[in-house]
Amino acid sequence: MSMLKDVRAEYAKVQWPRKKEIISATSWVVLMSIFLGIYLGVFDLIASRLLKMLVSLFGG
């Protein structure tokens, strides 16, 4: 039971983020995910077209 009391004591010390901080952090994660998805999509499109072009040039 001592462990349970210690857990409760530590839990009381936790400083939870405010709603504004949560919204801000979540917004950054969503925006960065969209940006990274677009970036990787464009890179993949360019790389695949370049690879197709190289294969067709060298008779593959």
PDB file of N, CA and C in Angstrom:
ATOM      1  N   MET A   1       0.813  -1.200   0.000  1.00  0.00           N
ATOM      2  CA  MET A   1       0.000   0.000   0.000  1.00  0.00           C
ATOM      3  C   MET A   1       0.856   1.262   0.000  1.00  0.00           C
ATOM      4  N   SER A   2       2.078   1.132   0.438  1.00  0.00           N
ATOM      5  CA  SER A   2       2.981   2.269   0.454  1.00  0.00           C
ATOM      6  C   SER A   2       3.239   2.764  -0.979  1.00  0.00           C
ATOM      7  N   MET A   3       3.339   1.813  -1.879  1.00  0.00           N
ATOM      8  CA  MET A   3       3.588   2.188  -3.265  1.00  0.00           C
ATOM      9  C   MET A   3       2.416   2.989  -3.830  1.00  0.00           C
ATOM     10  N   LEU A   4       1.214   2.598  -3.481  1.00  0.00           N
ATOM     11  CA  LEU A   4       0.026   3.302  -3.949  1.00  0.00           C
ATOM     12  C   LEU A   4       0.004   4.746  -3.439  1.00  0.00           C
ATOM     13  N   LYS A   5       0.400   4.953  -2.208  1.00  0.00           N
ATOM     14  CA  LYS A   5       0.475   6.302  -1.653  1.00  0.00           C
ATOM     15  C   LYS A   5       1.531   7.119  -2.380  1.00  0.00           C
ATOM     16  N   ASP A   6       2.662   6.489  -2.686  1.00  0.00           N
ATOM     17  CA  ASP A   6       3.727   7.180  -3.419  1.00  0.00           C
ATOM     18  C   ASP A   6       3.265   7.575  -4.821  1.00  0.00           C
ATOM     19  N   VAL A   7       2.550   6.685  -5.459  1.00  0.00           N
ATOM     20  CA  VAL A   7       2.034   6.978  -6.801  1.00  0.00           C
ATOM     21  C   VAL A   7       1.068   8.160  -6.742  1.00  0.00           C
ATOM     22  N   ARG A   8       0.184   8.160  -5.780  1.00  0.00           N
ATOM     23  CA  ARG A   8      -0.761   9.270  -5.636  1.00  0.00           C
ATOM     24  C   ARG A   8      -0.034  10.585  -5.361  1.00  0.00           C
ATOM     25  N   ALA A   9       1.003  10.530  -4.538  1.00  0.00           N
ATOM     26  CA  ALA A   9       1.768  11.739  -4.223  1.00  0.00           C
ATOM     27  C   ALA A   9       2.463  12.283  -5.470  1.00  0.00           C
ATOM     28  N   GLU A  10       3.040  11.391  -6.259  1.00  0.00           N
ATOM     29  CA  GLU A  10       3.701  11.822  -7.489  1.00  0.00           C
ATOM     30  C   GLU A  10       2.685  12.332  -8.507  1.00  0.00           C
ATOM     31  N   TYR A  11       1.545  11.689  -8.577  1.00  0.00           N
ATOM     32  CA  TYR A  11       0.487  12.091  -9.495  1.00  0.00           C
ATOM     33  C   TYR A  11      -0.009  13.502  -9.173  1.00  0.00           C
ATOM     34  N   ALA A  12      -0.020  13.841  -7.909  1.00  0.00           N
ATOM     35  CA  ALA A  12      -0.462  15.172  -7.494  1.00  0.00           C
ATOM     36  C   ALA A  12       0.545  16.242  -7.911  1.00  0.00           C
ATOM     37  N   LYS A  13       1.796  15.864  -8.108  1.00  0.00           N
ATOM     38  CA  LYS A  13       2.838  16.814  -8.498  1.00  0.00           C
ATOM     39  C   LYS A  13       2.834  17.105 -10.003  1.00  0.00           C
ATOM     40  N   VAL A  14       2.128  16.309 -10.760  1.00  0.00           N
ATOM     41  CA  VAL A  14       2.128  16.467 -12.211  1.00  0.00           C
ATOM     42  C   VAL A  14       1.498  17.802 -12.582  1.00  0.00           C
ATOM     43  N   GLN A  15       2.175  18.515 -13.467  1.00  0.00           N
ATOM     44  CA  GLN A  15       1.656  19.795 -13.935  1.00  0.00           C
ATOM     45  C   GLN A  15       1.105  19.574 -15.349  1.00  0.00           C
ATOM     46  N   TRP A  16      -0.208  19.467 -15.436  1.00  0.00           N
ATOM     47  CA  TRP A  16      -0.858  19.171 -16.702  1.00  0.00           C
ATOM     48  C   TRP A  16      -0.863  20.417 -17.586  1.00  0.00           C
ATOM     49  N   PRO A  17      -0.710  20.234 -18.910  1.00  0.00           N
ATOM     50  CA  PRO A  17      -0.734  21.399 -19.805  1.00  0.00           C
ATOM     51  C   PRO A  17      -2.122  22.012 -19.888  1.00  0.00           C
ATOM     52  N   ARG A  18      -2.144  23.283 -20.173  1.00  0.00           N
ATOM     53  CA  ARG A  18      -3.420  23.990 -20.312  1.00  0.00           C
ATOM     54  C   ARG A  18      -4.013  23.697 -21.684  1.00  0.00           C
ATOM     55  N   LYS A  19      -5.293  23.980 -21.812  1.00  0.00           N
ATOM     56  CA  LYS A  19      -6.006  23.691 -23.061  1.00  0.00           C
ATOM     57  C   LYS A  19      -5.357  24.418 -24.240  1.00  0.00           C
ATOM     58  N   LYS A  20      -4.939  25.656 -24.029  1.00  0.00           N
ATOM     59  CA  LYS A  20      -4.315  26.440 -25.091  1.00  0.00           C
ATOM     60  C   LYS A  20      -3.005  25.788 -25.560  1.00  0.00           C
ATOM     61  N   GLU A  21      -2.227  25.267 -24.632  1.00  0.00           N
ATOM     62  CA  GLU A  21      -0.974  24.602 -24.980  1.00  0.00           C
ATOM     63  C   GLU A  21      -1.220  23.328 -25.767  1.00  0.00           C
ATOM     64  N   ILE A  22      -2.245  22.585 -25.384  1.00  0.00           N
ATOM     65  CA  ILE A  22      -2.581  21.345 -26.078  1.00  0.00           C
ATOM     66  C   ILE A  22      -3.013  21.641 -27.510  1.00  0.00           C
ATOM     67  N   ILE A  23      -3.849  22.667 -27.677  1.00  0.00           N
ATOM     68  CA  ILE A  23      -4.321  23.035 -29.014  1.00  0.00           C
ATOM     69  C   ILE A  23      -3.150  23.496 -29.874  1.00  0.00           C
ATOM     70  N   SER A  24      -2.266  24.276 -29.307  1.00  0.00           N
ATOM     71  CA  SER A  24      -1.102  24.768 -30.048  1.00  0.00           C
ATOM     72  C   SER A  24      -0.199  23.619 -30.486  1.00  0.00           C
ATOM     73  N   ALA A  25       0.113  22.726 -29.576  1.00  0.00           N
ATOM     74  CA  ALA A  25       0.988  21.601 -29.906  1.00  0.00           C
ATOM     75  C   ALA A  25       0.343  20.680 -30.936  1.00  0.00           C
ATOM     76  N   THR A  26      -0.948  20.436 -30.797  1.00  0.00           N
ATOM     77  CA  THR A  26      -1.662  19.583 -31.739  1.00  0.00           C
ATOM     78  C   THR A  26      -1.690  20.224 -33.122  1.00  0.00           C
ATOM     79  N   SER A  27      -1.886  21.531 -33.176  1.00  0.00           N
ATOM     80  CA  SER A  27      -1.892  22.243 -34.456  1.00  0.00           C
ATOM     81  C   SER A  27      -0.545  22.114 -35.162  1.00  0.00           C
ATOM     82  N   TRP A  28       0.540  22.252 -34.404  1.00  0.00           N
ATOM     83  CA  TRP A  28       1.871  22.098 -34.993  1.00  0.00           C
ATOM     84  C   TRP A  28       2.077  20.691 -35.540  1.00  0.00           C
ATOM     85  N   VAL A  29       1.639  19.699 -34.810  1.00  0.00           N
ATOM     86  CA  VAL A  29       1.798  18.318 -35.263  1.00  0.00           C
ATOM     87  C   VAL A  29       1.013  18.082 -36.549  1.00  0.00           C
ATOM     88  N   VAL A  30      -0.216  18.575 -36.594  1.00  0.00           N
ATOM     89  CA  VAL A  30      -1.043  18.395 -37.797  1.00  0.00           C
ATOM     90  C   VAL A  30      -0.423  19.128 -38.987  1.00  0.00           C
ATOM     91  N   LEU A  31      -0.014  20.378 -38.792  1.00  0.00           N
ATOM     92  CA  LEU A  31       0.589  21.145 -39.887  1.00  0.00           C
ATOM     93  C   LEU A  31       1.885  20.511 -40.389  1.00  0.00           C
ATOM     94  N   MET A  32       2.727  20.078 -39.479  1.00  0.00           N
ATOM     95  CA  MET A  32       3.983  19.452 -39.891  1.00  0.00           C
ATOM     96  C   MET A  32       3.733  18.118 -40.590  1.00  0.00           C
ATOM     97  N   SER A  33       2.723  17.380 -40.172  1.00  0.00           N
ATOM     98  CA  SER A  33       2.384  16.115 -40.830  1.00  0.00           C
ATOM     99  C   SER A  33       1.904  16.372 -42.257  1.00  0.00           C
ATOM    100  N   ILE A  34       1.078  17.394 -42.439  1.00  0.00           N
ATOM    101  CA  ILE A  34       0.607  17.736 -43.785  1.00  0.00           C
ATOM    102  C   ILE A  34       1.787  18.180 -44.653  1.00  0.00           C
ATOM    103  N   PHE A  35       2.627  19.045 -44.122  1.00  0.00           N
ATOM    104  CA  PHE A  35       3.792  19.527 -44.865  1.00  0.00           C
ATOM    105  C   PHE A  35       4.708  18.368 -45.259  1.00  0.00           C
ATOM    106  N   LEU A  36       4.996  17.500 -44.323  1.00  0.00           N
ATOM    107  CA  LEU A  36       5.877  16.371 -44.601  1.00  0.00           C
ATOM    108  C   LEU A  36       5.249  15.419 -45.606  1.00  0.00           C
ATOM    109  N   GLY A  37       3.951  15.209 -45.517  1.00  0.00           N
ATOM    110  CA  GLY A  37       3.260  14.353 -46.474  1.00  0.00           C
ATOM    111  C   GLY A  37       3.339  14.912 -47.884  1.00  0.00           C
ATOM    112  N   ILE A  38       3.117  16.226 -48.028  1.00  0.00           N
ATOM    113  CA  ILE A  38       3.221  16.862 -49.345  1.00  0.00           C
ATOM    114  C   ILE A  38       4.660  16.782 -49.863  1.00  0.00           C
ATOM    115  N   TYR A  39       5.612  17.081 -49.005  1.00  0.00           N
ATOM    116  CA  TYR A  39       7.031  17.039 -49.389  1.00  0.00           C
ATOM    117  C   TYR A  39       7.433  15.644 -49.866  1.00  0.00           C
ATOM    118  N   LEU A  40       7.081  14.631 -49.102  1.00  0.00           N
ATOM    119  CA  LEU A  40       7.439  13.261 -49.481  1.00  0.00           C
ATOM    120  C   LEU A  40       6.688  12.813 -50.731  1.00  0.00           C
ATOM    121  N   GLY A  41       5.446  13.250 -50.887  1.00  0.00           N
ATOM    122  CA  GLY A  41       4.686  12.909 -52.086  1.00  0.00           C
ATOM    123  C   GLY A  41       5.314  13.485 -53.341  1.00  0.00           C
ATOM    124  N   VAL A  42       5.724  14.750 -53.277  1.00  0.00           N
ATOM    125  CA  VAL A  42       6.378  15.391 -54.422  1.00  0.00           C
ATOM    126  C   VAL A  42       7.716  14.721 -54.702  1.00  0.00           C
ATOM    127  N   PHE A  43       8.485  14.441 -53.662  1.00  0.00           N
ATOM    128  CA  PHE A  43       9.775  13.766 -53.836  1.00  0.00           C
ATOM    129  C   PHE A  43       9.580  12.394 -54.471  1.00  0.00           C
ATOM    130  N   ASP A  44       8.580  11.654 -54.042  1.00  0.00           N
ATOM    131  CA  ASP A  44       8.306  10.335 -54.592  1.00  0.00           C
ATOM    132  C   ASP A  44       7.906  10.434 -56.062  1.00  0.00           C
ATOM    133  N   LEU A  45       7.084  11.409 -56.401  1.00  0.00           N
ATOM    134  CA  LEU A  45       6.660  11.603 -57.786  1.00  0.00           C
ATOM    135  C   LEU A  45       7.858  11.911 -58.681  1.00  0.00           C
ATOM    136  N   ILE A  46       8.716  12.822 -58.249  1.00  0.00           N
ATOM    137  CA  ILE A  46       9.903  13.183 -59.028  1.00  0.00           C
ATOM    138  C   ILE A  46      10.847  11.993 -59.147  1.00  0.00           C
ATOM    139  N   ALA A  47      11.084  11.291 -58.053  1.00  0.00           N
ATOM    140  CA  ALA A  47      11.999  10.155 -58.074  1.00  0.00           C
ATOM    141  C   ALA A  47      11.482   9.038 -58.977  1.00  0.00           C
ATOM    142  N   SER A  48      10.187   8.755 -58.929  1.00  0.00           N
ATOM    143  CA  SER A  48       9.651   7.677 -59.762  1.00  0.00           C
ATOM    144  C   SER A  48       9.707   8.041 -61.244  1.00  0.00           C
ATOM    145  N   ARG A  49       9.416   9.283 -61.586  1.00  0.00           N
ATOM    146  CA  ARG A  49       9.521   9.709 -62.992  1.00  0.00           C
ATOM    147  C   ARG A  49      10.962   9.704 -63.473  1.00  0.00           C
ATOM    148  N   LEU A  50      11.868  10.125 -62.625  1.00  0.00           N
ATOM    149  CA  LEU A  50      13.287  10.101 -62.976  1.00  0.00           C
ATOM    150  C   LEU A  50      13.766   8.665 -63.188  1.00  0.00           C
ATOM    151  N   LEU A  51      13.329   7.771 -62.340  1.00  0.00           N
ATOM    152  CA  LEU A  51      13.716   6.370 -62.466  1.00  0.00           C
ATOM    153  C   LEU A  51      13.152   5.754 -63.747  1.00  0.00           C
ATOM    154  N   LYS A  52      11.893   6.058 -64.061  1.00  0.00           N
ATOM    155  CA  LYS A  52      11.297   5.568 -65.312  1.00  0.00           C
ATOM    156  C   LYS A  52      12.066   6.097 -66.522  1.00  0.00           C
ATOM    157  N   MET A  53      12.458   7.367 -66.465  1.00  0.00           N
ATOM    158  CA  MET A  53      13.201   7.964 -67.558  1.00  0.00           C
ATOM    159  C   MET A  53      14.570   7.292 -67.717  1.00  0.00           C
ATOM    160  N   LEU A  54      15.249   7.020 -66.634  1.00  0.00           N
ATOM    161  CA  LEU A  54      16.555   6.360 -66.698  1.00  0.00           C
ATOM    162  C   LEU A  54      16.430   4.938 -67.217  1.00  0.00           C
ATOM    163  N   VAL A  55      15.390   4.232 -66.796  1.00  0.00           N
ATOM    164  CA  VAL A  55      15.195   2.867 -67.268  1.00  0.00           C
ATOM    165  C   VAL A  55      14.905   2.849 -68.763  1.00  0.00           C
ATOM    166  N   SER A  56      14.108   3.798 -69.223  1.00  0.00           N
ATOM    167  CA  SER A  56      13.794   3.828 -70.663  1.00  0.00           C
ATOM    168  C   SER A  56      15.009   4.254 -71.487  1.00  0.00           C
ATOM    169  N   LEU A  57      15.888   5.093 -70.928  1.00  0.00           N
ATOM    170  CA  LEU A  57      17.098   5.508 -71.648  1.00  0.00           C
ATOM    171  C   LEU A  57      18.094   4.372 -71.820  1.00  0.00           C
ATOM    172  N   PHE A  58      18.197   3.534 -70.818  1.00  0.00           N
ATOM    173  CA  PHE A  58      19.194   2.463 -70.854  1.00  0.00           C
ATOM    174  C   PHE A  58      18.599   1.115 -71.240  1.00  0.00           C
ATOM    175  N   GLY A  59      17.427   1.140 -71.847  1.00  0.00           N
ATOM    176  CA  GLY A  59      16.831  -0.071 -72.416  1.00  0.00           C
ATOM    177  C   GLY A  59      16.406  -1.119 -71.411  1.00  0.00           C
ATOM    178  N   GLY A  60      15.776  -0.701 -70.348  1.00  0.00           N
ATOM    179  CA  GLY A  60      15.389  -1.653 -69.318  1.00  0.00           C
ATOM    180  C   GLY A  60      14.063  -2.226 -69.453  1.00  0.00           C
TER     181      GLY A  60
END
